[in-house]
Protein backbone atom coordinates (compact mmCIF):
# COMPACT_ATOMS: atom_id res chain seq x y z
CA MET A 1 -22.47 117.71 -61.16
CA THR A 2 -21.59 121.41 -61.30
CA PRO A 3 -18.61 122.01 -63.59
CA PRO A 4 -15.69 123.94 -62.11
CA SER A 5 -15.77 127.54 -63.33
CA SER A 6 -12.53 127.21 -65.28
CA LEU A 7 -13.87 124.16 -67.09
CA ALA A 8 -17.21 125.80 -67.77
CA ARG A 9 -15.46 128.71 -69.52
CA ARG A 10 -13.41 126.36 -71.67
CA ALA A 11 -15.91 123.52 -72.18
CA GLY A 12 -16.22 124.21 -75.89
CA HIS A 13 -12.42 124.33 -76.30
CA ALA A 14 -11.44 121.39 -74.12
CA VAL A 15 -11.08 119.13 -77.13
CA LEU A 16 -8.04 120.90 -78.58
CA PRO A 17 -5.54 120.55 -75.72
CA LEU A 18 -6.45 116.90 -75.21
CA PHE A 19 -5.90 116.02 -78.85
CA ALA A 20 -2.65 117.99 -78.91
CA LEU A 21 -1.15 115.39 -76.60
CA ALA A 22 0.89 112.77 -78.41
CA LEU A 23 -0.42 109.21 -78.52
CA LEU A 24 1.54 107.15 -76.04
CA SER A 25 2.72 103.88 -77.45
CA SER A 26 2.93 100.84 -75.22
CA CYS A 27 6.08 98.79 -74.96
CA GLY A 28 5.92 95.01 -74.75
CA SER A 29 8.51 94.95 -71.97
CA GLU A 30 6.47 97.18 -69.67
CA PRO A 31 4.57 95.51 -66.81
CA GLN A 32 0.89 94.90 -67.39
CA PRO A 33 -1.45 97.22 -65.43
CA ASP A 34 -3.37 95.87 -62.47
CA ASP A 35 -7.04 96.65 -61.86
CA ASP A 36 -6.22 99.95 -60.15
CA ASP A 37 -4.19 101.37 -63.04
CA PRO A 38 -5.71 103.56 -65.76
CA VAL A 39 -6.77 101.81 -68.94
CA LEU A 40 -3.97 101.59 -71.49
CA THR A 41 -4.19 101.87 -75.26
CA GLU A 42 -3.31 99.11 -77.72
CA ASP A 43 -2.33 100.03 -81.27
CA ALA A 44 -4.39 98.52 -84.10
CA GLY A 45 -3.57 101.24 -86.62
CA ALA A 46 -4.69 99.35 -89.74
CA LEU A 47 -8.29 99.10 -88.54
CA THR A 48 -11.07 101.69 -88.51
CA VAL A 49 -13.21 102.47 -85.47
CA ALA A 50 -16.04 100.36 -86.94
CA ALA A 51 -13.71 97.43 -87.69
CA ALA A 52 -12.12 97.55 -84.22
CA LEU A 53 -15.58 97.51 -82.68
CA GLY A 54 -16.50 94.47 -84.76
CA SER A 55 -13.32 92.61 -83.78
CA ASP A 56 -14.05 92.74 -80.02
CA PRO A 57 -16.62 90.12 -78.96
CA ASP A 58 -17.35 92.00 -75.72
CA LEU A 59 -18.54 95.00 -77.77
CA SER A 60 -20.94 93.10 -80.06
CA ALA A 61 -24.02 94.83 -78.60
CA ALA A 62 -22.45 98.25 -79.28
CA GLN A 63 -21.62 97.11 -82.82
CA ASP A 64 -25.23 96.03 -83.31
CA ALA A 65 -26.49 99.42 -82.11
CA ILE A 66 -24.05 101.24 -84.43
CA GLU A 67 -25.22 99.11 -87.37
CA LYS A 68 -28.91 99.65 -86.57
CA SER A 69 -28.32 103.41 -86.33
CA GLN A 70 -26.56 103.31 -89.73
CA LEU A 71 -23.49 105.06 -88.30
CA THR A 72 -21.08 102.36 -89.49
CA THR A 73 -20.12 104.30 -92.62
CA VAL A 74 -19.26 107.33 -90.47
CA LEU A 75 -16.97 105.23 -88.25
CA ASP A 76 -15.39 103.64 -91.34
CA GLY A 77 -14.73 107.03 -92.93
CA PRO A 78 -11.68 109.32 -92.91
CA ALA A 79 -12.82 111.62 -90.07
CA SER A 80 -11.34 110.90 -86.65
CA TYR A 81 -13.58 109.89 -83.73
CA THR A 82 -13.22 108.48 -80.24
CA LEU A 83 -16.01 106.03 -79.41
CA LEU A 84 -16.91 105.41 -75.78
CA ALA A 85 -18.23 101.91 -76.41
CA PRO A 86 -20.54 100.34 -73.81
CA THR A 87 -19.71 96.69 -73.19
CA ASN A 88 -22.19 93.86 -73.61
CA ALA A 89 -22.65 93.87 -69.82
CA ALA A 90 -23.60 97.58 -69.98
CA PHE A 91 -26.32 96.78 -72.52
CA ALA A 92 -27.48 93.77 -70.48
CA ALA A 93 -27.83 96.00 -67.39
CA VAL A 94 -30.61 98.01 -69.04
CA ASN A 95 -32.46 94.76 -69.85
CA ASP A 96 -35.09 94.32 -72.54
CA ARG A 97 -36.60 97.79 -72.10
CA ALA A 98 -33.80 99.22 -74.26
CA MET A 99 -34.41 96.75 -77.09
CA PRO A 100 -37.10 98.91 -78.80
CA LEU A 101 -34.32 101.40 -79.58
CA LEU A 102 -33.02 98.93 -82.17
CA LYS A 103 -36.29 99.14 -84.15
CA PRO A 104 -36.28 101.39 -87.23
CA GLU A 105 -38.94 103.74 -85.83
CA HIS A 106 -36.68 104.61 -82.88
CA ARG A 107 -33.56 105.21 -84.98
CA PRO A 108 -33.45 109.01 -84.23
CA VAL A 109 -33.42 108.33 -80.47
CA LEU A 110 -30.74 105.64 -80.89
CA ILE A 111 -28.58 108.02 -82.95
CA ALA A 112 -28.97 110.74 -80.30
CA ILE A 113 -27.80 108.36 -77.58
CA LEU A 114 -24.88 107.08 -79.64
CA ARG A 115 -23.75 110.62 -80.50
CA ASN A 116 -23.29 111.15 -76.76
CA HIS A 117 -20.69 108.37 -76.92
CA LEU A 118 -18.70 109.98 -79.74
CA LEU A 119 -15.98 112.60 -79.37
CA PRO A 120 -14.13 114.25 -82.24
CA GLY A 121 -10.51 113.19 -82.82
CA HIS A 122 -8.11 110.71 -81.21
CA LEU A 123 -8.49 110.63 -77.42
CA THR A 124 -6.64 107.94 -75.50
CA PRO A 125 -7.00 107.10 -71.80
CA GLU A 126 -3.38 108.19 -71.39
CA ALA A 127 -4.25 111.63 -72.83
CA ILE A 128 -7.28 111.86 -70.53
CA ASP A 129 -5.15 110.93 -67.54
CA ALA A 130 -2.53 113.55 -68.45
CA ALA A 131 -5.21 116.23 -68.94
CA ILE A 132 -6.71 115.49 -65.52
CA ASP A 133 -3.24 115.89 -63.99
CA ARG A 134 -2.65 119.12 -65.89
CA GLU A 135 -6.03 120.61 -64.93
CA GLY A 136 -5.87 119.35 -61.36
CA GLY A 137 -9.31 117.77 -61.61
CA PRO A 138 -12.12 116.74 -63.98
CA VAL A 139 -11.89 117.64 -67.67
CA ALA A 140 -14.98 118.55 -69.72
CA MET A 141 -15.45 117.69 -73.38
CA THR A 142 -18.28 118.17 -75.87
CA THR A 143 -19.66 115.08 -77.61
CA LEU A 144 -21.00 114.97 -81.15
CA GLY A 145 -24.44 115.08 -79.51
CA ARG A 146 -23.47 118.53 -78.14
CA THR A 147 -23.60 117.30 -74.56
CA LEU A 148 -20.83 117.77 -72.02
CA VAL A 149 -19.10 114.74 -70.58
CA TYR A 150 -16.65 114.95 -67.68
CA PHE A 151 -13.61 112.75 -67.33
CA SER A 152 -12.34 112.17 -63.81
CA ARG A 153 -10.07 109.84 -61.89
CA SER A 154 -10.76 108.11 -58.59
CA GLU A 155 -8.48 105.59 -56.87
CA GLY A 156 -6.47 105.15 -60.06
CA LYS A 157 -9.49 104.49 -62.30
CA LEU A 158 -10.78 106.74 -65.04
CA TYR A 159 -14.47 107.62 -65.30
CA VAL A 160 -16.69 109.52 -67.72
CA SER A 161 -19.92 111.19 -66.58
CA LEU A 162 -22.92 112.55 -68.44
CA GLY A 163 -25.41 114.15 -66.07
CA ASP A 164 -25.97 111.72 -63.20
CA THR A 165 -24.67 108.73 -65.19
CA ARG A 166 -21.07 107.67 -64.54
CA ALA A 167 -19.19 104.98 -66.45
CA ALA A 168 -15.79 103.49 -65.75
CA LEU A 169 -13.30 103.09 -68.57
CA VAL A 170 -12.63 99.35 -68.67
CA ASP A 171 -10.35 96.95 -70.52
CA SER A 172 -7.83 98.26 -73.02
CA ALA A 173 -8.61 101.04 -75.44
CA THR A 174 -7.77 100.48 -79.11
CA ALA A 175 -6.14 103.17 -81.24
CA VAL A 176 -6.93 102.80 -84.94
CA ASN A 177 -6.28 104.77 -88.11
CA ASN A 178 -9.33 107.02 -87.69
CA GLY A 179 -9.77 107.20 -83.94
CA VAL A 180 -9.92 105.29 -80.67
CA VAL A 181 -12.35 102.77 -79.17
CA ILE A 182 -12.63 103.00 -75.37
CA PRO A 183 -14.81 100.36 -73.66
CA ILE A 184 -17.00 101.68 -70.82
CA ASP A 185 -19.17 99.79 -68.34
CA THR A 186 -22.37 101.90 -68.51
CA ILE A 187 -24.48 103.44 -71.28
CA LEU A 188 -24.27 107.24 -71.16
CA ALA A 189 -27.94 108.17 -71.03
CA PRO A 190 -30.02 109.58 -68.19
CA ASP A 191 -31.99 106.31 -68.16
CA PRO A 192 -31.52 104.20 -71.32
CA ARG A 193 -34.28 101.86 -70.11
CA ASN A 194 -36.77 104.64 -70.68
CA ALA A 195 -35.22 106.13 -73.82
CA ALA A 196 -37.67 104.42 -76.18
CA ASP A 197 -40.55 106.18 -74.38
CA GLN A 198 -39.22 109.64 -75.24
């Protein structure tokens, strides 16, 4: 995917305008979104990113990967991060070939992959949606792994892409005291099944 020229010039600075947007709080009286609406954010302000990950049974595989990579203390700390958390189904889709990544000898590769799922600061789906509207198209951001991811919208759904890999933002995001957890349906790696061979 070739980034639009305006995004390419600002790719390193795209984080700031997104995080300048205020967190949108949800109101209990508002109608629930249907499958074609963008993912909404639930507030769980007392938790940390690591704790929110551990409280969602559909993200247990992502929690296991975070623990094996020894990044739990980072996500429990005071710095603010947005975690694009692959669901259990996303991990299951890469089958047993990805399992070697959880072994200690492959920890550097696992950390590199997980860093591509981490963005600095609080980034909600609502803020992503607003930024796409403001820019008139995809929005680029730099991950902690120093890779560019592109957020886009198609038929009312939000997506994030890294290279040729595209993941949909699914379920509700969770805003916590040190960031946001956004479930996604695909692992952001060129081919996570082959990652352990690198």
